[in-house]
Amino acid sequence: MSTAPIALSCGDPAGIGPELAWAAWQQLRDSVPFLWIGDPSHLPSDAIWNIVDAPHQAKALSTTALPVWPVPFARPVQPGTPDPANAQGVITAIETAVTLTRSGETSAICTAPISKKILIDGARFPHPGHTEFLATLAETEQVVMMLASPALRVVPATIHIPLTDVPKRLTPHLLRQVIEITHRGLIRDFGLTDPKLAVAGLNPHAGEGGALGREELLWINDLVASMASEGLRITGPLPADTMFHAAARARYDVAICMYHDQALIPIKTLDFDRGVNVTLGLPFIRTSPDHGTAFDIAGQGVANPTSLIEALKLAQQMAAARR
């Protein structure tokens, strides 16, 4: 396996990112070497860390200390009190992680949570979110969000939009793109040679023959059938209320869902702490924990590192599969 570590961007330093990075290193050490990109003064006071001169040093250093690639920040940090003056430091950490990974010095990117409001207030951040910023840096037009855990993988075709807008945004072109990117990602990054995809219906009971909605009859049925005829192992549209029990989950590798809550409710119910956010379609691997900055508990030592640990482990597995 390559000695290139994972690049872990610090996220908002007033959130739980720094303490979770320290907790993750304590559990993983050199089994999943990662390079924390941020200001080491933001780490917990008991953290053991060392600055590296080159990313490849992280593997050996990880046995005894958290490897750090330093990024300067404008002001000291108070946990739980985000400061817009530090927005540029957060952005620089993300950009650094992308640069190191695209050059091959790190094998993947794992991103700690950011606050979009703080970035807008402090640096006029022009992007809708973290994922869109990464897509811009990678010059990639279309990416897909996957939530993955040992129990389930889900992909929402539409994400952070009002439910009333879903039927307008959900087009044959968009759904085909989402399915194709997901299919390629499962092969390239998860090592599945012939992945099985299940597509949820948009309407209750997948429209029930048009009685509860007609999108399935008008185009979703035909799109799924067309992609199956092209060689994909794909089924659907299936009633979403019967897709997520254990026997149903055993029949597919990923569930393609039509909107945010249709995808995220089942995975967060089944495996809340171990869910990992994965961005498919980028030229590099990106994972992140499936939680936010949690300013309300930052610095109190109560934040759960499980999702970050799972995100780092999955990034390592994906990098091995891609190689």
C-alpha atoms as a PDB file:
ATOM      1  CA  MET A   1       0.000   0.000   0.000  1.00  0.00           C
ATOM      2  CA  SER A   2       1.210   3.515  -0.759  1.00  0.00           C
ATOM      3  CA  THR A   3       2.756   5.527   2.055  1.00  0.00           C
ATOM      4  CA  ALA A   4       0.990   8.684   0.871  1.00  0.00           C
ATOM      5  CA  PRO A   5      -1.189   9.886   3.768  1.00  0.00           C
ATOM      6  CA  ILE A   6      -4.704  11.260   3.647  1.00  0.00           C
ATOM      7  CA  ALA A   7      -4.973  15.056   3.711  1.00  0.00           C
ATOM      8  CA  LEU A   8      -7.359  16.117   6.500  1.00  0.00           C
ATOM      9  CA  SER A   9      -8.356  19.774   6.175  1.00  0.00           C
ATOM     10  CA  CYS A  10      -9.041  21.398   9.525  1.00  0.00           C
ATOM     11  CA  GLY A  11     -12.500  22.854   8.839  1.00  0.00           C
ATOM     12  CA  ASP A  12     -13.677  25.706  11.039  1.00  0.00           C
ATOM     13  CA  PRO A  13     -11.184  25.750  13.927  1.00  0.00           C
ATOM     14  CA  ALA A  14     -13.827  26.977  16.387  1.00  0.00           C
ATOM     15  CA  GLY A  15     -15.845  23.808  15.756  1.00  0.00           C
ATOM     16  CA  ILE A  16     -15.170  20.232  16.785  1.00  0.00           C
ATOM     17  CA  GLY A  17     -12.780  19.513  13.901  1.00  0.00           C
ATOM     18  CA  PRO A  18      -9.477  19.977  15.787  1.00  0.00           C
ATOM     19  CA  GLU A  19     -10.470  17.840  18.785  1.00  0.00           C
ATOM     20  CA  LEU A  20     -11.859  15.113  16.505  1.00  0.00           C
ATOM     21  CA  ALA A  21      -8.602  15.054  14.523  1.00  0.00           C
ATOM     22  CA  TRP A  22      -6.676  14.448  17.746  1.00  0.00           C
ATOM     23  CA  ALA A  23      -9.156  11.761  18.872  1.00  0.00           C
ATOM     24  CA  ALA A  24      -8.979  10.080  15.459  1.00  0.00           C
ATOM     25  CA  TRP A  25      -5.161   9.975  15.537  1.00  0.00           C
ATOM     26  CA  GLN A  26      -5.245   8.395  18.997  1.00  0.00           C
ATOM     27  CA  GLN A  27      -7.336   5.534  17.641  1.00  0.00           C
ATOM     28  CA  LEU A  28      -5.818   5.139  14.178  1.00  0.00           C
ATOM     29  CA  ARG A  29      -2.169   6.208  14.498  1.00  0.00           C
ATOM     30  CA  ASP A  30      -0.146   4.690  11.655  1.00  0.00           C
ATOM     31  CA  SER A  31      -2.853   2.204  10.588  1.00  0.00           C
ATOM     32  CA  VAL A  32      -4.507   5.072   8.683  1.00  0.00           C
ATOM     33  CA  PRO A  33      -1.860   7.788   8.387  1.00  0.00           C
ATOM     34  CA  PHE A  34      -3.240  11.251   7.785  1.00  0.00           C
ATOM     35  CA  LEU A  35      -1.807  14.746   7.565  1.00  0.00           C
ATOM     36  CA  TRP A  36      -3.756  17.385   9.483  1.00  0.00           C
ATOM     37  CA  ILE A  37      -3.767  20.678   7.572  1.00  0.00           C
ATOM     38  CA  GLY A  38      -4.313  23.599   9.923  1.00  0.00           C
ATOM     39  CA  ASP A  39      -2.851  25.703  12.720  1.00  0.00           C
ATOM     40  CA  PRO A  40      -1.469  23.377  15.422  1.00  0.00           C
ATOM     41  CA  SER A  41      -2.312  25.938  18.105  1.00  0.00           C
ATOM     42  CA  HIS A  42      -5.979  25.033  17.485  1.00  0.00           C
ATOM     43  CA  LEU A  43      -5.454  21.422  18.570  1.00  0.00           C
ATOM     44  CA  PRO A  44      -6.343  20.382  22.147  1.00  0.00           C
ATOM     45  CA  SER A  45      -3.731  21.365  24.718  1.00  0.00           C
ATOM     46  CA  ASP A  46      -2.806  17.731  25.381  1.00  0.00           C
ATOM     47  CA  ALA A  47      -2.310  16.882  21.705  1.00  0.00           C
ATOM     48  CA  ILE A  48       1.042  15.479  20.607  1.00  0.00           C
ATOM     49  CA  TRP A  49       1.874  16.768  17.154  1.00  0.00           C
ATOM     50  CA  ASN A  50       4.820  17.421  14.865  1.00  0.00           C
ATOM     51  CA  ILE A  51       5.183  19.522  11.745  1.00  0.00           C
ATOM     52  CA  VAL A  52       6.277  17.632   8.623  1.00  0.00           C
ATOM     53  CA  ASP A  53       8.560  18.991   5.934  1.00  0.00           C
ATOM     54  CA  ALA A  54       7.022  16.713   3.286  1.00  0.00           C
ATOM     55  CA  PRO A  55       3.780  14.682   3.277  1.00  0.00           C
ATOM     56  CA  HIS A  56       5.535  11.331   2.853  1.00  0.00           C
ATOM     57  CA  GLN A  57       6.978  11.748   6.364  1.00  0.00           C
ATOM     58  CA  ALA A  58       3.510  11.361   7.877  1.00  0.00           C
ATOM     59  CA  LYS A  59       3.477   7.544   7.786  1.00  0.00           C
ATOM     60  CA  ALA A  60       6.554   7.153  10.006  1.00  0.00           C
ATOM     61  CA  LEU A  61       5.656  10.090  12.227  1.00  0.00           C
ATOM     62  CA  SER A  62       2.110   8.815  12.836  1.00  0.00           C
ATOM     63  CA  THR A  63       3.363   6.146  15.224  1.00  0.00           C
ATOM     64  CA  THR A  64       4.221   8.769  17.851  1.00  0.00           C
ATOM     65  CA  ALA A  65       2.504  12.058  16.942  1.00  0.00           C
ATOM     66  CA  LEU A  66      -0.156  13.693  14.805  1.00  0.00           C
ATOM     67  CA  PRO A  67       1.526  14.926  11.609  1.00  0.00           C
ATOM     68  CA  VAL A  68       0.707  18.582  10.852  1.00  0.00           C
ATOM     69  CA  TRP A  69       1.009  20.691   7.716  1.00  0.00           C
ATOM     70  CA  PRO A  70       0.763  24.215   9.165  1.00  0.00           C
ATOM     71  CA  VAL A  71      -1.593  26.854   7.798  1.00  0.00           C
ATOM     72  CA  PRO A  72      -1.592  30.360   9.313  1.00  0.00           C
ATOM     73  CA  PHE A  73      -4.781  31.881  10.713  1.00  0.00           C
ATOM     74  CA  ALA A  74      -5.451  35.562  11.353  1.00  0.00           C
ATOM     75  CA  ARG A  75      -6.642  35.378  14.963  1.00  0.00           C
ATOM     76  CA  PRO A  76      -6.516  33.083  17.993  1.00  0.00           C
ATOM     77  CA  VAL A  77      -9.421  30.663  18.247  1.00  0.00           C
ATOM     78  CA  GLN A  78     -11.971  30.282  21.015  1.00  0.00           C
ATOM     79  CA  PRO A  79     -13.812  26.937  20.702  1.00  0.00           C
ATOM     80  CA  GLY A  80     -17.492  27.525  20.067  1.00  0.00           C
ATOM     81  CA  THR A  81     -16.980  31.129  18.919  1.00  0.00           C
ATOM     82  CA  PRO A  82     -16.386  31.218  15.153  1.00  0.00           C
ATOM     83  CA  ASP A  83     -14.523  34.246  13.823  1.00  0.00           C
ATOM     84  CA  PRO A  84     -14.999  35.479  10.231  1.00  0.00           C
ATOM     85  CA  ALA A  85     -11.432  36.803  10.335  1.00  0.00           C
ATOM     86  CA  ASN A  86     -10.264  33.177  10.174  1.00  0.00           C
ATOM     87  CA  ALA A  87     -12.302  32.355   7.084  1.00  0.00           C
ATOM     88  CA  GLN A  88      -9.359  32.658   4.716  1.00  0.00           C
ATOM     89  CA  GLY A  89      -7.354  30.187   6.775  1.00  0.00           C
ATOM     90  CA  VAL A  90     -10.154  27.628   6.421  1.00  0.00           C
ATOM     91  CA  ILE A  91     -10.223  28.162   2.663  1.00  0.00           C
ATOM     92  CA  THR A  92      -6.448  27.914   2.386  1.00  0.00           C
ATOM     93  CA  ALA A  93      -6.477  24.587   4.250  1.00  0.00           C
ATOM     94  CA  ILE A  94      -8.962  23.154   1.738  1.00  0.00           C
ATOM     95  CA  GLU A  95      -6.988  24.479  -1.220  1.00  0.00           C
ATOM     96  CA  THR A  96      -3.790  23.017   0.231  1.00  0.00           C
ATOM     97  CA  ALA A  97      -5.411  19.604   0.644  1.00  0.00           C
ATOM     98  CA  VAL A  98      -6.524  19.668  -2.994  1.00  0.00           C
ATOM     99  CA  THR A  99      -3.076  20.741  -4.229  1.00  0.00           C
ATOM    100  CA  LEU A 100      -1.288  18.019  -2.259  1.00  0.00           C
ATOM    101  CA  THR A 101      -3.713  15.335  -3.411  1.00  0.00           C
ATOM    102  CA  ARG A 102      -3.733  16.318  -7.055  1.00  0.00           C
ATOM    103  CA  SER A 103       0.078  16.219  -7.024  1.00  0.00           C
ATOM    104  CA  GLY A 104       0.023  12.697  -5.550  1.00  0.00           C
ATOM    105  CA  GLU A 105       1.728  13.724  -2.294  1.00  0.00           C
ATOM    106  CA  THR A 106      -1.415  12.731  -0.412  1.00  0.00           C
ATOM    107  CA  SER A 107      -3.716   9.913  -1.471  1.00  0.00           C
ATOM    108  CA  ALA A 108      -7.138  11.401  -0.691  1.00  0.00           C
ATOM    109  CA  ILE A 109      -8.888  14.312   0.973  1.00  0.00           C
ATOM    110  CA  CYS A 110     -10.984  14.139   4.115  1.00  0.00           C
ATOM    111  CA  THR A 111     -12.619  17.421   5.068  1.00  0.00           C
ATOM    112  CA  ALA A 112     -13.647  18.525   8.546  1.00  0.00           C
ATOM    113  CA  PRO A 113     -16.863  20.586   8.680  1.00  0.00           C
ATOM    114  CA  ILE A 114     -16.991  24.248   7.710  1.00  0.00           C
ATOM    115  CA  SER A 115     -19.484  27.030   8.361  1.00  0.00           C
ATOM    116  CA  LYS A 116     -20.625  28.519   5.063  1.00  0.00           C
ATOM    117  CA  LYS A 117     -21.932  31.626   6.847  1.00  0.00           C
ATOM    118  CA  ILE A 118     -18.542  32.330   8.425  1.00  0.00           C
ATOM    119  CA  LEU A 119     -16.808  31.899   5.065  1.00  0.00           C
ATOM    120  CA  ILE A 120     -19.288  34.240   3.405  1.00  0.00           C
ATOM    121  CA  ASP A 121     -18.983  36.827   6.166  1.00  0.00           C
ATOM    122  CA  GLY A 122     -15.206  36.657   6.335  1.00  0.00           C
ATOM    123  CA  ALA A 123     -14.104  35.907   2.776  1.00  0.00           C
ATOM    124  CA  ARG A 124     -17.165  36.456   0.533  1.00  0.00           C
ATOM    125  CA  PHE A 125     -17.206  32.730  -0.178  1.00  0.00           C
ATOM    126  CA  PRO A 126     -19.096  32.429  -3.491  1.00  0.00           C
ATOM    127  CA  HIS A 127     -19.902  28.705  -3.417  1.00  0.00           C
ATOM    128  CA  PRO A 128     -23.117  27.023  -2.198  1.00  0.00           C
ATOM    129  CA  GLY A 129     -21.076  24.674  -0.019  1.00  0.00           C
ATOM    130  CA  HIS A 130     -17.956  22.614   0.562  1.00  0.00           C
ATOM    131  CA  THR A 131     -18.670  20.147  -2.246  1.00  0.00           C
ATOM    132  CA  GLU A 132     -19.262  22.854  -4.830  1.00  0.00           C
ATOM    133  CA  PHE A 133     -15.988  24.550  -3.858  1.00  0.00           C
ATOM    134  CA  LEU A 134     -14.095  21.289  -4.362  1.00  0.00           C
ATOM    135  CA  ALA A 135     -15.804  20.796  -7.729  1.00  0.00           C
ATOM    136  CA  THR A 136     -14.710  24.301  -8.764  1.00  0.00           C
ATOM    137  CA  LEU A 137     -11.118  23.645  -7.692  1.00  0.00           C
ATOM    138  CA  ALA A 138     -11.202  20.412  -9.698  1.00  0.00           C
ATOM    139  CA  GLU A 139     -12.875  22.097 -12.698  1.00  0.00           C
ATOM    140  CA  THR A 140     -15.608  19.445 -12.539  1.00  0.00           C
ATOM    141  CA  GLU A 141     -19.149  20.326 -13.609  1.00  0.00           C
ATOM    142  CA  GLN A 142     -21.205  17.496 -12.098  1.00  0.00           C
ATOM    143  CA  VAL A 143     -20.538  15.667  -8.840  1.00  0.00           C
ATOM    144  CA  VAL A 144     -22.665  13.326  -6.771  1.00  0.00           C
ATOM    145  CA  MET A 145     -23.108  13.106  -3.008  1.00  0.00           C
ATOM    146  CA  MET A 146     -23.113   9.628  -1.511  1.00  0.00           C
ATOM    147  CA  LEU A 147     -23.711   8.746   2.129  1.00  0.00           C
ATOM    148  CA  ALA A 148     -22.004   5.469   2.935  1.00  0.00           C
ATOM    149  CA  SER A 149     -21.865   3.211   5.972  1.00  0.00           C
ATOM    150  CA  PRO A 150     -21.326  -0.516   6.515  1.00  0.00           C
ATOM    151  CA  ALA A 151     -25.119  -0.917   6.521  1.00  0.00           C
ATOM    152  CA  LEU A 152     -26.125   1.090   3.445  1.00  0.00           C
ATOM    153  CA  ARG A 153     -25.024   3.394   0.617  1.00  0.00           C
ATOM    154  CA  VAL A 154     -27.428   6.054  -0.638  1.00  0.00           C
ATOM    155  CA  VAL A 155     -27.255   8.777  -3.288  1.00  0.00           C
ATOM    156  CA  PRO A 156     -29.803  11.613  -3.415  1.00  0.00           C
ATOM    157  CA  ALA A 157     -30.347  12.814  -6.990  1.00  0.00           C
ATOM    158  CA  THR A 158     -31.434  16.221  -5.705  1.00  0.00           C
ATOM    159  CA  ILE A 159     -30.029  17.554  -2.465  1.00  0.00           C
ATOM    160  CA  HIS A 160     -30.591  20.838  -0.638  1.00  0.00           C
ATOM    161  CA  ILE A 161     -33.697  22.168  -2.336  1.00  0.00           C
ATOM    162  CA  PRO A 162     -37.303  22.546  -1.153  1.00  0.00           C
ATOM    163  CA  LEU A 163     -39.453  19.474  -1.639  1.00  0.00           C
ATOM    164  CA  THR A 164     -41.793  21.433  -3.908  1.00  0.00           C
ATOM    165  CA  ASP A 165     -38.879  22.025  -6.315  1.00  0.00           C
ATOM    166  CA  VAL A 166     -37.842  18.370  -6.612  1.00  0.00           C
ATOM    167  CA  PRO A 167     -40.165  17.408  -9.527  1.00  0.00           C
ATOM    168  CA  LYS A 168     -38.918  20.446 -11.487  1.00  0.00           C
ATOM    169  CA  ARG A 169     -35.205  19.821 -10.861  1.00  0.00           C
ATOM    170  CA  LEU A 170     -35.401  16.055 -11.323  1.00  0.00           C
ATOM    171  CA  THR A 171     -35.018  15.593 -15.071  1.00  0.00           C
ATOM    172  CA  PRO A 172     -34.076  12.562 -17.192  1.00  0.00           C
ATOM    173  CA  HIS A 173     -30.725  14.216 -17.936  1.00  0.00           C
ATOM    174  CA  LEU A 174     -29.934  14.829 -14.256  1.00  0.00           C
ATOM    175  CA  LEU A 175     -30.981  11.358 -13.106  1.00  0.00           C
ATOM    176  CA  ARG A 176     -28.968   9.694 -15.867  1.00  0.00           C
ATOM    177  CA  GLN A 177     -25.900  11.728 -14.873  1.00  0.00           C
ATOM    178  CA  VAL A 178     -26.296  10.795 -11.217  1.00  0.00           C
ATOM    179  CA  ILE A 179     -26.664   7.099 -12.038  1.00  0.00           C
ATOM    180  CA  GLU A 180     -23.681   7.079 -14.419  1.00  0.00           C
ATOM    181  CA  ILE A 181     -21.368   8.906 -11.975  1.00  0.00           C
ATOM    182  CA  THR A 182     -22.462   6.597  -9.160  1.00  0.00           C
ATOM    183  CA  HIS A 183     -21.887   3.493 -11.289  1.00  0.00           C
ATOM    184  CA  ARG A 184     -18.394   4.639 -12.269  1.00  0.00           C
ATOM    185  CA  GLY A 185     -17.581   5.569  -8.669  1.00  0.00           C
ATOM    186  CA  LEU A 186     -18.583   2.166  -7.332  1.00  0.00           C
ATOM    187  CA  ILE A 187     -16.259   0.509  -9.839  1.00  0.00           C
ATOM    188  CA  ARG A 188     -13.309   2.882  -9.526  1.00  0.00           C
ATOM    189  CA  ASP A 189     -13.407   3.787  -5.841  1.00  0.00           C
ATOM    190  CA  PHE A 190     -15.181   0.868  -4.168  1.00  0.00           C
ATOM    191  CA  GLY A 191     -13.729  -1.978  -6.213  1.00  0.00           C
ATOM    192  CA  LEU A 192     -17.101  -3.382  -7.341  1.00  0.00           C
ATOM    193  CA  THR A 193     -16.726  -4.925 -10.793  1.00  0.00           C
ATOM    194  CA  ASP A 194     -20.455  -5.148 -11.545  1.00  0.00           C
ATOM    195  CA  PRO A 195     -22.323  -2.928  -9.076  1.00  0.00           C
ATOM    196  CA  LYS A 196     -26.049  -3.344  -8.445  1.00  0.00           C
ATOM    197  CA  LEU A 197     -28.086  -0.134  -8.354  1.00  0.00           C
ATOM    198  CA  ALA A 198     -31.641   0.270  -7.063  1.00  0.00           C
ATOM    199  CA  VAL A 199     -33.620   3.375  -8.035  1.00  0.00           C
ATOM    200  CA  ALA A 200     -36.355   4.679  -5.764  1.00  0.00           C
ATOM    201  CA  GLY A 201     -39.593   6.048  -7.123  1.00  0.00           C
ATOM    202  CA  LEU A 202     -40.378   9.722  -6.705  1.00  0.00           C
ATOM    203  CA  ASN A 203     -43.969   9.201  -5.590  1.00  0.00           C
ATOM    204  CA  PRO A 204     -45.487   7.003  -2.873  1.00  0.00           C
ATOM    205  CA  HIS A 205     -45.545   3.349  -3.970  1.00  0.00           C
ATOM    206  CA  ALA A 206     -43.540   4.464  -7.042  1.00  0.00           C
ATOM    207  CA  GLY A 207     -46.682   6.174  -8.321  1.00  0.00           C
ATOM    208  CA  GLU A 208     -48.877   3.058  -8.051  1.00  0.00           C
ATOM    209  CA  GLY A 209     -49.558   2.899 -11.763  1.00  0.00           C
ATOM    210  CA  GLY A 210     -50.184   6.637 -12.025  1.00  0.00           C
ATOM    211  CA  ALA A 211     -52.723   6.824  -9.201  1.00  0.00           C
ATOM    212  CA  LEU A 212     -50.248   8.573  -6.860  1.00  0.00           C
ATOM    213  CA  GLY A 213     -48.125  10.481  -9.369  1.00  0.00           C
ATOM    214  CA  ARG A 214     -47.165  10.115 -13.000  1.00  0.00           C
ATOM    215  CA  GLU A 215     -43.414  10.800 -13.201  1.00  0.00           C
ATOM    216  CA  GLU A 216     -42.670   7.078 -13.053  1.00  0.00           C
ATOM    217  CA  LEU A 217     -44.990   6.395 -16.010  1.00  0.00           C
ATOM    218  CA  LEU A 218     -43.924   9.458 -17.965  1.00  0.00           C
ATOM    219  CA  TRP A 219     -40.153   8.903 -17.884  1.00  0.00           C
ATOM    220  CA  ILE A 220     -38.544   7.214 -14.859  1.00  0.00           C
ATOM    221  CA  ASN A 221     -39.596   3.675 -15.882  1.00  0.00           C
ATOM    222  CA  ASP A 222     -38.236   4.211 -19.393  1.00  0.00           C
ATOM    223  CA  LEU A 223     -34.945   5.690 -18.186  1.00  0.00           C
ATOM    224  CA  VAL A 224     -34.241   2.771 -15.844  1.00  0.00           C
ATOM    225  CA  ALA A 225     -35.184   0.251 -18.558  1.00  0.00           C
ATOM    226  CA  SER A 226     -32.965   2.040 -21.073  1.00  0.00           C
ATOM    227  CA  MET A 227     -29.954   2.014 -18.752  1.00  0.00           C
ATOM    228  CA  ALA A 228     -30.541  -1.662 -17.973  1.00  0.00           C
ATOM    229  CA  SER A 229     -30.488  -2.386 -21.718  1.00  0.00           C
ATOM    230  CA  GLU A 230     -27.118  -0.594 -21.871  1.00  0.00           C
ATOM    231  CA  GLY A 231     -25.640  -3.166 -19.496  1.00  0.00           C
ATOM    232  CA  LEU A 232     -26.111  -1.651 -16.039  1.00  0.00           C
ATOM    233  CA  ARG A 233     -27.418  -3.913 -13.280  1.00  0.00           C
ATOM    234  CA  ILE A 234     -30.171  -1.533 -12.297  1.00  0.00           C
ATOM    235  CA  THR A 235     -33.690  -2.013 -10.958  1.00  0.00           C
ATOM    236  CA  GLY A 236     -36.572   0.345 -10.298  1.00  0.00           C
ATOM    237  CA  PRO A 237     -38.262   2.569  -9.779  1.00  0.00           C
ATOM    238  CA  LEU A 238     -39.042   0.840  -6.488  1.00  0.00           C
ATOM    239  CA  PRO A 239     -41.375   1.958  -3.692  1.00  0.00           C
ATOM    240  CA  ALA A 240     -39.108   3.760  -1.237  1.00  0.00           C
ATOM    241  CA  ASP A 241     -40.974   2.444   1.786  1.00  0.00           C
ATOM    242  CA  THR A 242     -39.911  -1.152   1.061  1.00  0.00           C
ATOM    243  CA  MET A 243     -36.319  -0.568  -0.083  1.00  0.00           C
ATOM    244  CA  PHE A 244     -34.470  -0.342   3.189  1.00  0.00           C
ATOM    245  CA  HIS A 245     -35.241  -3.409   5.293  1.00  0.00           C
ATOM    246  CA  ALA A 246     -32.434  -5.960   5.605  1.00  0.00           C
ATOM    247  CA  ALA A 247     -33.563  -8.371   2.884  1.00  0.00           C
ATOM    248  CA  ALA A 248     -34.094  -5.549   0.391  1.00  0.00           C
ATOM    249  CA  ARG A 249     -30.708  -3.965   1.119  1.00  0.00           C
ATOM    250  CA  ALA A 250     -29.000  -7.275   0.379  1.00  0.00           C
ATOM    251  CA  ARG A 251     -30.131  -7.017  -3.265  1.00  0.00           C
ATOM    252  CA  TYR A 252     -28.235  -3.834  -4.197  1.00  0.00           C
ATOM    253  CA  ASP A 253     -24.966  -1.964  -3.595  1.00  0.00           C
ATOM    254  CA  VAL A 254     -26.436   1.537  -3.622  1.00  0.00           C
ATOM    255  CA  ALA A 255     -29.873   3.127  -3.495  1.00  0.00           C
ATOM    256  CA  ILE A 256     -30.413   6.036  -5.876  1.00  0.00           C
ATOM    257  CA  CYS A 257     -32.994   8.253  -4.194  1.00  0.00           C
ATOM    258  CA  MET A 258     -34.918  11.178  -5.596  1.00  0.00           C
ATOM    259  CA  TYR A 259     -34.485  13.749  -2.841  1.00  0.00           C
ATOM    260  CA  HIS A 260     -32.551  14.515   0.318  1.00  0.00           C
ATOM    261  CA  ASP A 261     -34.681  13.004   3.075  1.00  0.00           C
ATOM    262  CA  GLN A 262     -35.611   9.915   1.068  1.00  0.00           C
ATOM    263  CA  ALA A 263     -31.900   9.033   1.114  1.00  0.00           C
ATOM    264  CA  LEU A 264     -30.672  10.382   4.435  1.00  0.00           C
ATOM    265  CA  ILE A 265     -33.436   9.250   6.780  1.00  0.00           C
ATOM    266  CA  PRO A 266     -32.796   5.514   6.249  1.00  0.00           C
ATOM    267  CA  ILE A 267     -29.001   5.680   6.528  1.00  0.00           C
ATOM    268  CA  LYS A 268     -29.084   7.913   9.595  1.00  0.00           C
ATOM    269  CA  THR A 269     -31.649   5.635  11.201  1.00  0.00           C
ATOM    270  CA  LEU A 270     -29.665   2.486  10.460  1.00  0.00           C
ATOM    271  CA  ASP A 271     -26.129   3.712  11.187  1.00  0.00           C
ATOM    272  CA  PHE A 272     -26.097   7.278  12.477  1.00  0.00           C
ATOM    273  CA  ASP A 273     -22.568   7.452  13.889  1.00  0.00           C
ATOM    274  CA  ARG A 274     -20.749   5.635  11.083  1.00  0.00           C
ATOM    275  CA  GLY A 275     -22.197   7.497   8.105  1.00  0.00           C
ATOM    276  CA  VAL A 276     -19.622   9.062   5.782  1.00  0.00           C
ATOM    277  CA  ASN A 277     -20.184  11.723   3.141  1.00  0.00           C
ATOM    278  CA  VAL A 278     -18.452  10.814  -0.147  1.00  0.00           C
ATOM    279  CA  THR A 279     -18.185  13.039  -3.216  1.00  0.00           C
ATOM    280  CA  LEU A 280     -18.210  11.028  -6.451  1.00  0.00           C
ATOM    281  CA  GLY A 281     -17.138  12.455  -9.801  1.00  0.00           C
ATOM    282  CA  LEU A 282     -14.070  14.389  -8.641  1.00  0.00           C
ATOM    283  CA  PRO A 283     -10.615  13.553 -10.027  1.00  0.00           C
ATOM    284  CA  PHE A 284      -9.518  12.891  -6.433  1.00  0.00           C
ATOM    285  CA  ILE A 285     -11.072  11.046  -3.502  1.00  0.00           C
ATOM    286  CA  ARG A 286     -13.016  13.117  -0.991  1.00  0.00           C
ATOM    287  CA  THR A 287     -14.755  11.952   2.159  1.00  0.00           C
ATOM    288  CA  SER A 288     -16.041  13.820   5.186  1.00  0.00           C
ATOM    289  CA  PRO A 289     -17.795  13.037   8.447  1.00  0.00           C
ATOM    290  CA  ASP A 290     -21.558  13.235   8.267  1.00  0.00           C
ATOM    291  CA  HIS A 291     -22.002  16.042  10.794  1.00  0.00           C
ATOM    292  CA  GLY A 292     -21.477  19.767  11.120  1.00  0.00           C
ATOM    293  CA  THR A 293     -19.205  22.097  13.073  1.00  0.00           C
ATOM    294  CA  ALA A 294     -21.141  21.596  16.350  1.00  0.00           C
ATOM    295  CA  PHE A 295     -20.065  24.950  17.778  1.00  0.00           C
ATOM    296  CA  ASP A 296     -22.356  24.330  20.761  1.00  0.00           C
ATOM    297  CA  ILE A 297     -20.179  21.484  22.088  1.00  0.00           C
ATOM    298  CA  ALA A 298     -16.769  22.485  20.705  1.00  0.00           C
ATOM    299  CA  GLY A 299     -13.928  22.296  23.201  1.00  0.00           C
ATOM    300  CA  GLN A 300     -15.929  20.324  25.768  1.00  0.00           C
ATOM    301  CA  GLY A 301     -14.401  16.937  24.983  1.00  0.00           C
ATOM    302  CA  VAL A 302     -17.761  15.286  24.302  1.00  0.00           C
ATOM    303  CA  ALA A 303     -17.780  15.182  20.483  1.00  0.00           C
ATOM    304  CA  ASN A 304     -17.955  11.672  18.990  1.00  0.00           C
ATOM    305  CA  PRO A 305     -15.064  10.972  16.572  1.00  0.00           C
ATOM    306  CA  THR A 306     -16.642   7.849  15.017  1.00  0.00           C
ATOM    307  CA  SER A 307     -17.808   9.474  11.772  1.00  0.00           C
ATOM    308  CA  LEU A 308     -14.430  11.118  11.167  1.00  0.00           C
ATOM    309  CA  ILE A 309     -12.634   7.862  11.888  1.00  0.00           C
ATOM    310  CA  GLU A 310     -14.909   6.047   9.432  1.00  0.00           C
ATOM    311  CA  ALA A 311     -14.342   8.817   6.856  1.00  0.00           C
ATOM    312  CA  LEU A 312     -10.568   8.457   7.135  1.00  0.00           C
ATOM    313  CA  LYS A 313     -10.762   4.656   6.935  1.00  0.00           C
ATOM    314  CA  LEU A 314     -13.046   4.812   3.898  1.00  0.00           C
ATOM    315  CA  ALA A 315     -10.745   7.325   2.182  1.00  0.00           C
ATOM    316  CA  GLN A 316      -7.871   4.882   2.643  1.00  0.00           C
ATOM    317  CA  GLN A 317      -9.942   1.998   1.231  1.00  0.00           C
ATOM    318  CA  MET A 318     -11.058   4.090  -1.747  1.00  0.00           C
ATOM    319  CA  ALA A 319      -7.486   5.152  -2.491  1.00  0.00           C
ATOM    320  CA  ALA A 320      -6.411   1.506  -2.487  1.00  0.00           C
ATOM    321  CA  ALA A 321      -9.287   0.587  -4.821  1.00  0.00           C
ATOM    322  CA  ARG A 322      -8.468   3.427  -7.201  1.00  0.00           C
ATOM    323  CA  ARG A 323      -4.825   2.345  -7.378  1.00  0.00           C
END
